Amino acid sequence: MTPSPDATDDRVHPRTERTRAAIIAAALDELADVGYGALTIESVARRAGASKATIYRHWSGKLDLFADVIASLKQMPRHHETDDPYESIVAFVEAIAEHVAFGRFAACIPALIEASVTDPEVRAYHVRTSDERLAYGASILDAARDAGHLDANVDTRATTERIVAPIFFRRMMAAEPFPVDEVRPLVDAVLGPLWR
């Protein structure tokens, strides 16, 4: 059956998108408050002021919803791109430091760790999305390498890991944000020996 010309795809209907956004926001708040293990479809529905049926209309279950929650948390932070490769790297790392320091991502870090430890499917998804973020960071270093600022043999992925690891370590192990004004010294410490 051919849809009528004025039919709207349910996936892009503004009201549908608002409903999905409200449910994801409620799931984020629930995740931060009670952790992954105690999060249920019922608790999210209650917090969102929605019915369980509404949630199941959009997601097959807790893991499916959690995948979208993780995706919303891990959206690549915006950063100011410049023609200067070094400044682009610094801006990217500063954006990560700010993203991890405050807001929902910071509040949900303990729950993300818990979920990754206790649920193999969540762990696999977490690893995959983390790999995507590292690949994006490596692409910024690739541009610097291609412009002749880094040695041609530098492993940009491993170098990206070395730059961002202290930010996550400080947040997860010391429970404090990595100061944005310490980002440039961090980048210098890692890239200094490699930069031309």
N, C-alpha and C. Protein backbone atom coordinates (compact mmCIF):
# COMPACT_ATOMS: atom_id res chain seq x y z
N MET A 1 0.84 -1.19 0.00
CA MET A 1 0.00 0.00 0.00
C MET A 1 0.89 1.25 0.00
N THR A 2 0.61 2.18 -0.88
CA THR A 2 1.40 3.40 -0.98
C THR A 2 0.87 4.44 -0.01
N PRO A 3 1.74 5.02 0.83
CA PRO A 3 1.27 6.03 1.78
C PRO A 3 0.76 7.26 1.06
N SER A 4 -0.16 7.95 1.68
CA SER A 4 -0.69 9.17 1.09
C SER A 4 0.40 10.23 1.08
N PRO A 5 0.32 11.19 0.14
CA PRO A 5 1.38 12.19 0.03
C PRO A 5 1.61 12.98 1.30
N ASP A 6 0.55 13.14 2.13
CA ASP A 6 0.73 13.94 3.33
C ASP A 6 1.05 13.11 4.55
N ALA A 7 1.27 11.80 4.34
CA ALA A 7 1.61 10.94 5.48
C ALA A 7 3.00 11.31 5.99
N THR A 8 3.15 11.31 7.30
CA THR A 8 4.43 11.65 7.92
C THR A 8 5.05 10.41 8.52
N ASP A 9 6.31 10.17 8.21
CA ASP A 9 7.03 9.04 8.79
C ASP A 9 7.07 9.23 10.31
N ASP A 10 6.59 8.20 11.05
CA ASP A 10 6.50 8.29 12.52
C ASP A 10 7.86 8.56 13.15
N ARG A 11 8.93 8.13 12.49
CA ARG A 11 10.26 8.28 13.07
C ARG A 11 10.73 9.72 13.09
N VAL A 12 10.15 10.56 12.24
CA VAL A 12 10.61 11.94 12.19
C VAL A 12 9.51 12.93 12.58
N HIS A 13 8.38 12.43 13.00
CA HIS A 13 7.30 13.32 13.43
C HIS A 13 7.78 14.11 14.65
N PRO A 14 7.59 15.43 14.65
CA PRO A 14 8.09 16.24 15.78
C PRO A 14 7.58 15.76 17.13
N ARG A 15 6.33 15.39 17.22
CA ARG A 15 5.80 14.93 18.51
C ARG A 15 6.46 13.64 18.94
N THR A 16 6.71 12.76 17.98
CA THR A 16 7.39 11.51 18.28
C THR A 16 8.81 11.78 18.77
N GLU A 17 9.49 12.71 18.12
CA GLU A 17 10.85 13.04 18.53
C GLU A 17 10.88 13.66 19.92
N ARG A 18 9.88 14.49 20.23
CA ARG A 18 9.80 15.08 21.57
C ARG A 18 9.58 14.00 22.62
N THR A 19 8.72 13.03 22.28
CA THR A 19 8.45 11.93 23.21
C THR A 19 9.71 11.12 23.46
N ARG A 20 10.40 10.79 22.38
CA ARG A 20 11.64 10.02 22.51
C ARG A 20 12.68 10.78 23.33
N ALA A 21 12.80 12.07 23.07
CA ALA A 21 13.78 12.89 23.80
C ALA A 21 13.44 12.95 25.28
N ALA A 22 12.15 13.06 25.60
CA ALA A 22 11.73 13.12 27.01
C ALA A 22 12.03 11.80 27.71
N ILE A 23 11.82 10.69 27.02
CA ILE A 23 12.08 9.38 27.62
C ILE A 23 13.58 9.17 27.82
N ILE A 24 14.37 9.55 26.83
CA ILE A 24 15.83 9.42 26.97
C ILE A 24 16.33 10.30 28.11
N ALA A 25 15.80 11.52 28.22
CA ALA A 25 16.20 12.41 29.32
C ALA A 25 15.84 11.79 30.67
N ALA A 26 14.65 11.18 30.76
CA ALA A 26 14.24 10.52 32.00
C ALA A 26 15.14 9.33 32.30
N ALA A 27 15.51 8.58 31.26
CA ALA A 27 16.39 7.43 31.45
C ALA A 27 17.78 7.88 31.93
N LEU A 28 18.26 9.00 31.40
CA LEU A 28 19.55 9.54 31.84
C LEU A 28 19.50 9.92 33.31
N ASP A 29 18.42 10.60 33.71
CA ASP A 29 18.29 11.00 35.11
C ASP A 29 18.18 9.77 36.02
N GLU A 30 17.43 8.78 35.56
CA GLU A 30 17.27 7.56 36.34
C GLU A 30 18.61 6.82 36.45
N LEU A 31 19.34 6.78 35.36
CA LEU A 31 20.64 6.12 35.34
C LEU A 31 21.59 6.79 36.32
N ALA A 32 21.60 8.11 36.33
CA ALA A 32 22.48 8.84 37.24
C ALA A 32 22.07 8.64 38.70
N ASP A 33 20.77 8.51 38.95
CA ASP A 33 20.28 8.41 40.33
C ASP A 33 20.38 7.01 40.91
N VAL A 34 20.06 5.98 40.10
CA VAL A 34 19.96 4.63 40.67
C VAL A 34 20.93 3.62 40.07
N GLY A 35 21.60 3.98 38.96
CA GLY A 35 22.52 3.04 38.33
C GLY A 35 21.83 2.16 37.32
N TYR A 36 22.63 1.40 36.60
CA TYR A 36 22.09 0.57 35.53
C TYR A 36 21.27 -0.59 36.07
N GLY A 37 21.75 -1.24 37.12
CA GLY A 37 21.07 -2.42 37.63
C GLY A 37 19.66 -2.15 38.09
N ALA A 38 19.43 -0.99 38.71
CA ALA A 38 18.11 -0.67 39.25
C ALA A 38 17.22 0.05 38.24
N LEU A 39 17.79 0.43 37.11
CA LEU A 39 16.98 1.10 36.10
C LEU A 39 16.05 0.09 35.44
N THR A 40 14.78 0.43 35.35
CA THR A 40 13.79 -0.44 34.70
C THR A 40 12.95 0.39 33.75
N ILE A 41 12.27 -0.30 32.85
CA ILE A 41 11.35 0.38 31.95
C ILE A 41 10.27 1.08 32.77
N GLU A 42 9.82 0.42 33.83
CA GLU A 42 8.78 1.00 34.68
C GLU A 42 9.26 2.30 35.33
N SER A 43 10.50 2.29 35.85
CA SER A 43 11.00 3.48 36.54
C SER A 43 11.21 4.63 35.57
N VAL A 44 11.65 4.31 34.36
CA VAL A 44 11.83 5.36 33.34
C VAL A 44 10.48 5.92 32.93
N ALA A 45 9.50 5.04 32.74
CA ALA A 45 8.16 5.49 32.35
C ALA A 45 7.58 6.41 33.41
N ARG A 46 7.75 6.04 34.66
CA ARG A 46 7.23 6.85 35.76
C ARG A 46 7.89 8.23 35.77
N ARG A 47 9.19 8.25 35.61
CA ARG A 47 9.92 9.53 35.63
C ARG A 47 9.56 10.38 34.43
N ALA A 48 9.34 9.75 33.29
CA ALA A 48 9.04 10.49 32.06
C ALA A 48 7.57 10.91 31.97
N GLY A 49 6.73 10.33 32.85
CA GLY A 49 5.31 10.61 32.76
C GLY A 49 4.71 9.97 31.52
N ALA A 50 5.27 8.82 31.14
CA ALA A 50 4.80 8.11 29.96
C ALA A 50 4.37 6.70 30.37
N SER A 51 3.72 6.02 29.47
CA SER A 51 3.33 4.64 29.75
C SER A 51 4.43 3.69 29.28
N LYS A 52 4.45 2.49 29.86
CA LYS A 52 5.39 1.47 29.39
C LYS A 52 5.15 1.16 27.93
N ALA A 53 3.88 1.17 27.52
CA ALA A 53 3.55 0.87 26.13
C ALA A 53 4.20 1.87 25.18
N THR A 54 4.25 3.14 25.61
CA THR A 54 4.89 4.16 24.78
C THR A 54 6.37 3.86 24.61
N ILE A 55 7.02 3.46 25.70
CA ILE A 55 8.44 3.13 25.62
C ILE A 55 8.66 1.93 24.72
N TYR A 56 7.82 0.89 24.89
CA TYR A 56 8.00 -0.31 24.07
C TYR A 56 7.64 -0.07 22.61
N ARG A 57 6.94 1.01 22.33
CA ARG A 57 6.65 1.34 20.95
C ARG A 57 7.91 1.83 20.25
N HIS A 58 8.84 2.37 21.02
CA HIS A 58 10.07 2.93 20.44
C HIS A 58 11.30 2.05 20.67
N TRP A 59 11.30 1.27 21.73
CA TRP A 59 12.45 0.42 22.06
C TRP A 59 11.96 -0.97 22.43
N SER A 60 12.77 -1.97 22.09
CA SER A 60 12.37 -3.36 22.36
C SER A 60 12.53 -3.73 23.83
N GLY A 61 13.33 -3.00 24.57
CA GLY A 61 13.54 -3.31 25.98
C GLY A 61 14.61 -2.42 26.57
N LYS A 62 15.06 -2.78 27.75
CA LYS A 62 16.02 -1.96 28.50
C LYS A 62 17.32 -1.76 27.74
N LEU A 63 17.88 -2.83 27.17
CA LEU A 63 19.16 -2.70 26.48
C LEU A 63 19.05 -1.80 25.27
N ASP A 64 17.95 -1.94 24.54
CA ASP A 64 17.73 -1.12 23.36
C ASP A 64 17.63 0.36 23.75
N LEU A 65 16.89 0.65 24.81
CA LEU A 65 16.78 2.02 25.31
C LEU A 65 18.14 2.52 25.79
N PHE A 66 18.85 1.66 26.51
CA PHE A 66 20.15 2.04 27.05
C PHE A 66 21.13 2.39 25.94
N ALA A 67 21.03 1.69 24.82
CA ALA A 67 21.91 1.99 23.68
C ALA A 67 21.71 3.42 23.20
N ASP A 68 20.45 3.86 23.13
CA ASP A 68 20.18 5.23 22.71
C ASP A 68 20.61 6.23 23.78
N VAL A 69 20.48 5.83 25.05
CA VAL A 69 20.93 6.68 26.14
C VAL A 69 22.44 6.89 26.04
N ILE A 70 23.17 5.80 25.83
CA ILE A 70 24.62 5.88 25.69
C ILE A 70 24.99 6.76 24.48
N ALA A 71 24.26 6.56 23.38
CA ALA A 71 24.54 7.34 22.18
C ALA A 71 24.36 8.83 22.45
N SER A 72 23.34 9.18 23.23
CA SER A 72 23.11 10.59 23.54
C SER A 72 24.21 11.14 24.44
N LEU A 73 24.71 10.30 25.35
CA LEU A 73 25.80 10.73 26.24
C LEU A 73 27.10 10.90 25.48
N LYS A 74 27.30 10.05 24.50
CA LYS A 74 28.59 10.01 23.83
C LYS A 74 28.64 10.80 22.54
N GLN A 75 27.62 11.63 22.32
CA GLN A 75 27.68 12.48 21.14
C GLN A 75 28.96 13.30 21.20
N MET A 76 29.63 13.36 20.09
CA MET A 76 30.92 14.04 20.06
C MET A 76 30.75 15.50 20.47
N PRO A 77 31.47 15.92 21.51
CA PRO A 77 31.34 17.32 21.93
C PRO A 77 31.78 18.27 20.82
N ARG A 78 31.05 19.36 20.71
CA ARG A 78 31.40 20.35 19.69
C ARG A 78 32.68 21.06 20.08
N HIS A 79 33.49 21.31 19.09
CA HIS A 79 34.71 22.05 19.34
C HIS A 79 34.98 22.97 18.16
N HIS A 80 35.74 23.99 18.41
CA HIS A 80 36.02 24.99 17.38
C HIS A 80 37.14 24.50 16.47
N GLU A 81 36.78 24.22 15.22
CA GLU A 81 37.80 23.77 14.28
C GLU A 81 38.50 24.99 13.67
N THR A 82 39.80 24.84 13.54
CA THR A 82 40.59 25.94 12.96
C THR A 82 41.50 25.37 11.87
N ASP A 83 42.15 26.27 11.17
CA ASP A 83 43.12 25.84 10.15
C ASP A 83 44.45 25.46 10.78
N ASP A 84 44.59 25.75 12.08
CA ASP A 84 45.82 25.43 12.80
C ASP A 84 45.66 24.03 13.40
N PRO A 85 46.40 23.04 12.92
CA PRO A 85 46.24 21.66 13.41
C PRO A 85 46.42 21.52 14.92
N TYR A 86 47.39 22.25 15.47
CA TYR A 86 47.63 22.16 16.91
C TYR A 86 46.43 22.69 17.69
N GLU A 87 45.91 23.85 17.28
CA GLU A 87 44.78 24.45 17.98
C GLU A 87 43.52 23.59 17.83
N SER A 88 43.38 22.90 16.71
CA SER A 88 42.24 21.99 16.53
C SER A 88 42.30 20.83 17.52
N ILE A 89 43.51 20.32 17.74
CA ILE A 89 43.69 19.24 18.71
C ILE A 89 43.35 19.73 20.11
N VAL A 90 43.88 20.89 20.48
CA VAL A 90 43.62 21.45 21.81
C VAL A 90 42.12 21.69 22.00
N ALA A 91 41.45 22.24 21.00
CA ALA A 91 40.01 22.52 21.10
C ALA A 91 39.23 21.23 21.28
N PHE A 92 39.60 20.18 20.57
CA PHE A 92 38.92 18.89 20.70
C PHE A 92 39.08 18.33 22.11
N VAL A 93 40.30 18.37 22.64
CA VAL A 93 40.55 17.82 23.98
C VAL A 93 39.87 18.68 25.05
N GLU A 94 39.86 19.99 24.86
CA GLU A 94 39.15 20.86 25.80
C GLU A 94 37.66 20.54 25.82
N ALA A 95 37.08 20.27 24.65
CA ALA A 95 35.66 19.94 24.57
C ALA A 95 35.37 18.65 25.33
N ILE A 96 36.27 17.67 25.23
CA ILE A 96 36.10 16.42 25.97
C ILE A 96 36.19 16.67 27.46
N ALA A 97 37.17 17.47 27.87
CA ALA A 97 37.34 17.77 29.30
C ALA A 97 36.09 18.42 29.87
N GLU A 98 35.49 19.34 29.12
CA GLU A 98 34.28 20.01 29.59
C GLU A 98 33.11 19.03 29.61
N HIS A 99 33.03 18.17 28.61
CA HIS A 99 31.94 17.20 28.50
C HIS A 99 31.97 16.21 29.67
N VAL A 100 33.16 15.77 30.02
CA VAL A 100 33.31 14.78 31.10
C VAL A 100 33.19 15.42 32.47
N ALA A 101 33.47 16.71 32.56
CA ALA A 101 33.53 17.37 33.86
C ALA A 101 32.16 17.58 34.49
N PHE A 102 31.19 17.95 33.68
CA PHE A 102 29.92 18.38 34.24
C PHE A 102 28.75 17.73 33.49
N GLY A 103 27.57 17.91 34.06
CA GLY A 103 26.36 17.49 33.37
C GLY A 103 26.07 16.00 33.48
N ARG A 104 25.23 15.57 32.57
CA ARG A 104 24.72 14.19 32.65
C ARG A 104 25.80 13.15 32.45
N PHE A 105 26.74 13.42 31.55
CA PHE A 105 27.78 12.43 31.31
C PHE A 105 28.55 12.15 32.60
N ALA A 106 28.95 13.21 33.27
CA ALA A 106 29.69 13.04 34.53
C ALA A 106 28.86 12.28 35.56
N ALA A 107 27.58 12.62 35.66
CA ALA A 107 26.71 11.97 36.64
C ALA A 107 26.49 10.49 36.33
N CYS A 108 26.57 10.14 35.05
CA CYS A 108 26.29 8.76 34.64
C CYS A 108 27.53 7.87 34.56
N ILE A 109 28.71 8.43 34.76
CA ILE A 109 29.94 7.63 34.64
C ILE A 109 29.91 6.39 35.52
N PRO A 110 29.55 6.48 36.82
CA PRO A 110 29.52 5.25 37.63
C PRO A 110 28.57 4.20 37.07
N ALA A 111 27.43 4.63 36.55
CA ALA A 111 26.47 3.69 35.99
C ALA A 111 27.00 3.06 34.71
N LEU A 112 27.73 3.83 33.91
CA LEU A 112 28.32 3.28 32.68
C LEU A 112 29.34 2.21 33.01
N ILE A 113 30.14 2.45 34.03
CA ILE A 113 31.13 1.45 34.45
C ILE A 113 30.42 0.20 34.95
N GLU A 114 29.42 0.39 35.80
CA GLU A 114 28.66 -0.74 36.33
C GLU A 114 28.04 -1.56 35.21
N ALA A 115 27.41 -0.88 34.26
CA ALA A 115 26.75 -1.59 33.16
C ALA A 115 27.75 -2.36 32.31
N SER A 116 28.91 -1.75 32.06
CA SER A 116 29.92 -2.41 31.23
C SER A 116 30.51 -3.64 31.92
N VAL A 117 30.58 -3.60 33.25
CA VAL A 117 31.13 -4.73 34.00
C VAL A 117 30.13 -5.87 34.10
N THR A 118 28.84 -5.54 34.27
CA THR A 118 27.85 -6.57 34.56
C THR A 118 27.11 -7.11 33.35
N ASP A 119 27.13 -6.39 32.23
CA ASP A 119 26.34 -6.82 31.07
C ASP A 119 27.24 -6.88 29.83
N PRO A 120 27.50 -8.09 29.31
CA PRO A 120 28.40 -8.22 28.15
C PRO A 120 27.91 -7.45 26.92
N GLU A 121 26.60 -7.38 26.72
CA GLU A 121 26.08 -6.66 25.56
C GLU A 121 26.33 -5.16 25.70
N VAL A 122 26.14 -4.65 26.89
CA VAL A 122 26.42 -3.24 27.14
C VAL A 122 27.91 -2.98 26.95
N ARG A 123 28.75 -3.89 27.47
CA ARG A 123 30.20 -3.73 27.32
C ARG A 123 30.59 -3.67 25.85
N ALA A 124 30.02 -4.55 25.04
CA ALA A 124 30.34 -4.57 23.61
C ALA A 124 29.93 -3.26 22.94
N TYR A 125 28.76 -2.76 23.31
CA TYR A 125 28.30 -1.49 22.74
C TYR A 125 29.18 -0.34 23.20
N HIS A 126 29.53 -0.35 24.48
CA HIS A 126 30.38 0.70 25.05
C HIS A 126 31.74 0.72 24.36
N VAL A 127 32.32 -0.46 24.14
CA VAL A 127 33.62 -0.55 23.46
C VAL A 127 33.50 -0.01 22.04
N ARG A 128 32.43 -0.39 21.34
CA ARG A 128 32.25 0.05 19.96
C ARG A 128 32.13 1.57 19.86
N THR A 129 31.32 2.17 20.72
CA THR A 129 31.14 3.62 20.65
C THR A 129 32.40 4.36 21.11
N SER A 130 33.12 3.78 22.06
CA SER A 130 34.39 4.39 22.49
C SER A 130 35.40 4.35 21.35
N ASP A 131 35.40 3.25 20.60
CA ASP A 131 36.30 3.14 19.45
C ASP A 131 35.99 4.22 18.42
N GLU A 132 34.68 4.51 18.24
CA GLU A 132 34.30 5.54 17.28
C GLU A 132 34.82 6.91 17.71
N ARG A 133 34.74 7.19 19.01
CA ARG A 133 35.24 8.47 19.52
C ARG A 133 36.76 8.56 19.34
N LEU A 134 37.46 7.47 19.63
CA LEU A 134 38.91 7.48 19.45
C LEU A 134 39.28 7.68 17.99
N ALA A 135 38.52 7.05 17.11
CA ALA A 135 38.79 7.19 15.68
C ALA A 135 38.60 8.64 15.24
N TYR A 136 37.61 9.30 15.80
CA TYR A 136 37.38 10.71 15.46
C TYR A 136 38.57 11.56 15.94
N GLY A 137 39.00 11.33 17.18
CA GLY A 137 40.16 12.07 17.69
C GLY A 137 41.40 11.79 16.87
N ALA A 138 41.57 10.53 16.49
CA ALA A 138 42.73 10.16 15.67
C ALA A 138 42.69 10.86 14.32
N SER A 139 41.49 11.09 13.79
CA SER A 139 41.38 11.76 12.49
C SER A 139 41.90 13.19 12.56
N ILE A 140 41.75 13.83 13.72
CA ILE A 140 42.28 15.19 13.89
C ILE A 140 43.81 15.14 13.90
N LEU A 141 44.36 14.11 14.57
CA LEU A 141 45.82 13.95 14.56
C LEU A 141 46.30 13.55 13.16
N ASP A 142 45.50 12.78 12.44
CA ASP A 142 45.85 12.41 11.07
C ASP A 142 46.06 13.66 10.22
N ALA A 143 45.16 14.64 10.40
CA ALA A 143 45.27 15.88 9.62
C ALA A 143 46.58 16.60 9.94
N ALA A 144 46.95 16.59 11.23
CA ALA A 144 48.21 17.22 11.62
C ALA A 144 49.40 16.45 11.03
N ARG A 145 49.30 15.13 11.04
CA ARG A 145 50.38 14.30 10.47
C ARG A 145 50.49 14.55 8.97
N ASP A 146 49.32 14.59 8.29
CA ASP A 146 49.32 14.80 6.84
C ASP A 146 49.87 16.17 6.47
N ALA A 147 49.74 17.14 7.40
CA ALA A 147 50.26 18.48 7.15
C ALA A 147 51.75 18.58 7.50
N GLY A 148 52.33 17.46 7.95
CA GLY A 148 53.76 17.42 8.23
C GLY A 148 54.16 17.82 9.64
N HIS A 149 53.17 17.95 10.55
CA HIS A 149 53.48 18.35 11.91
C HIS A 149 53.82 17.18 12.83
N LEU A 150 53.44 15.98 12.43
CA LEU A 150 53.75 14.78 13.20
C LEU A 150 54.51 13.80 12.33
N ASP A 151 55.33 12.99 12.96
CA ASP A 151 56.10 11.99 12.22
C ASP A 151 55.15 11.09 11.44
N ALA A 152 55.54 10.71 10.25
CA ALA A 152 54.69 9.91 9.37
C ALA A 152 54.34 8.56 9.98
N ASN A 153 55.16 8.07 10.88
CA ASN A 153 54.93 6.74 11.47
C ASN A 153 54.20 6.78 12.81
N VAL A 154 53.77 7.97 13.25
CA VAL A 154 53.12 8.06 14.54
C VAL A 154 51.77 7.32 14.51
N ASP A 155 51.50 6.59 15.58
CA ASP A 155 50.22 5.89 15.73
C ASP A 155 49.23 6.90 16.31
N THR A 156 48.39 7.47 15.47
CA THR A 156 47.52 8.55 15.92
C THR A 156 46.44 8.06 16.88
N ARG A 157 46.02 6.83 16.73
CA ARG A 157 45.02 6.30 17.65
C ARG A 157 45.60 6.14 19.06
N ALA A 158 46.77 5.54 19.16
CA ALA A 158 47.42 5.36 20.46
C ALA A 158 47.75 6.71 21.08
N THR A 159 48.14 7.67 20.26
CA THR A 159 48.46 9.00 20.76
C THR A 159 47.21 9.69 21.28
N THR A 160 46.08 9.51 20.59
CA THR A 160 44.81 10.05 21.07
C THR A 160 44.46 9.46 22.43
N GLU A 161 44.66 8.16 22.58
CA GLU A 161 44.39 7.50 23.87
C GLU A 161 45.23 8.11 24.98
N ARG A 162 46.51 8.37 24.68
CA ARG A 162 47.39 8.93 25.70
C ARG A 162 46.97 10.35 26.10
N ILE A 163 46.39 11.08 25.16
CA ILE A 163 45.96 12.44 25.47
C ILE A 163 44.69 12.44 26.32
N VAL A 164 43.71 11.62 25.96
CA VAL A 164 42.41 11.70 26.66
C VAL A 164 42.36 10.84 27.93
N ALA A 165 43.25 9.86 28.05
CA ALA A 165 43.20 8.97 29.22
C ALA A 165 43.27 9.72 30.56
N PRO A 166 44.16 10.71 30.73
CA PRO A 166 44.21 11.41 32.02
C PRO A 166 42.90 12.11 32.38
N ILE A 167 42.16 12.55 31.36
CA ILE A 167 40.89 13.24 31.61
C ILE A 167 39.89 12.28 32.24
N PHE A 168 39.79 11.08 31.65
CA PHE A 168 38.85 10.10 32.18
C PHE A 168 39.35 9.51 33.50
N PHE A 169 40.65 9.33 33.62
CA PHE A 169 41.20 8.81 34.88
C PHE A 169 40.89 9.76 36.03
N ARG A 170 41.12 11.05 35.81
CA ARG A 170 40.87 12.04 36.88
C ARG A 170 39.40 12.02 37.28
N ARG A 171 38.51 11.91 36.29
CA ARG A 171 37.08 11.94 36.59
C ARG A 171 36.62 10.68 37.30
N MET A 172 37.11 9.52 36.85
CA MET A 172 36.61 8.25 37.38
C MET A 172 37.31 7.83 38.66
N MET A 173 38.61 8.06 38.76
CA MET A 173 39.36 7.58 39.91
C MET A 173 39.47 8.62 41.02
N ALA A 174 39.59 9.87 40.64
CA ALA A 174 39.72 10.91 41.65
C ALA A 174 38.40 11.65 41.88
N ALA A 175 37.40 11.34 41.05
CA ALA A 175 36.06 11.94 41.17
C ALA A 175 36.11 13.46 41.11
N GLU A 176 36.98 13.96 40.25
CA GLU A 176 37.05 15.41 40.06
C GLU A 176 37.31 15.70 38.59
N PRO A 177 36.87 16.83 38.11
CA PRO A 177 37.06 17.14 36.69
C PRO A 177 38.51 17.48 36.37
N PHE A 178 38.88 17.25 35.14
CA PHE A 178 40.19 17.65 34.65
C PHE A 178 40.08 19.10 34.23
N PRO A 179 40.82 20.01 34.88
CA PRO A 179 40.67 21.43 34.56
C PRO A 179 40.99 21.73 33.10
N VAL A 180 40.12 22.49 32.48
CA VAL A 180 40.31 22.82 31.07
C VAL A 180 41.63 23.57 30.86
N ASP A 181 42.04 24.37 31.85
CA ASP A 181 43.29 25.11 31.66
C ASP A 181 44.53 24.23 31.75
N GLU A 182 44.34 22.95 32.08
CA GLU A 182 45.46 22.01 32.08
C GLU A 182 45.53 21.19 30.79
N VAL A 183 44.59 21.43 29.89
CA VAL A 183 44.55 20.66 28.64
C VAL A 183 45.76 20.96 27.77
N ARG A 184 46.07 22.23 27.59
CA ARG A 184 47.19 22.58 26.71
C ARG A 184 48.51 21.98 27.22
N PRO A 185 48.83 22.07 28.52
CA PRO A 185 50.04 21.40 29.00
C PRO A 185 50.01 19.88 28.78
N LEU A 186 48.80 19.29 28.89
CA LEU A 186 48.67 17.85 28.65
C LEU A 186 48.98 17.53 27.19
N VAL A 187 48.39 18.29 26.29
CA VAL A 187 48.65 18.07 24.86
C VAL A 187 50.13 18.27 24.56
N ASP A 188 50.73 19.30 25.16
CA ASP A 188 52.15 19.56 24.95
C ASP A 188 53.02 18.39 25.45
N ALA A 189 52.63 17.85 26.60
CA ALA A 189 53.42 16.76 27.18
C ALA A 189 53.40 15.53 26.28
N VAL A 190 52.25 15.26 25.68
CA VAL A 190 52.13 14.07 24.82
C VAL A 190 52.70 14.32 23.43
N LEU A 191 52.37 15.47 22.85
CA LEU A 191 52.75 15.72 21.46
C LEU A 191 54.12 16.40 21.32
N GLY A 192 54.60 17.00 22.42
CA GLY A 192 55.87 17.73 22.33
C GLY A 192 56.98 16.97 21.63
N PRO A 193 57.27 15.72 22.05
CA PRO A 193 58.36 14.97 21.42
C PRO A 193 58.05 14.57 19.97
N LEU A 194 56.77 14.64 19.57
CA LEU A 194 56.37 14.17 18.24
C LEU A 194 56.13 15.30 17.26
N TRP A 195 56.02 16.52 17.81
CA TRP A 195 55.58 17.66 16.98
C TRP A 195 56.75 18.29 16.24
N ARG A 196 56.49 18.69 15.02
CA ARG A 196 57.53 19.35 14.20
C ARG A 196 57.22 20.82 14.02
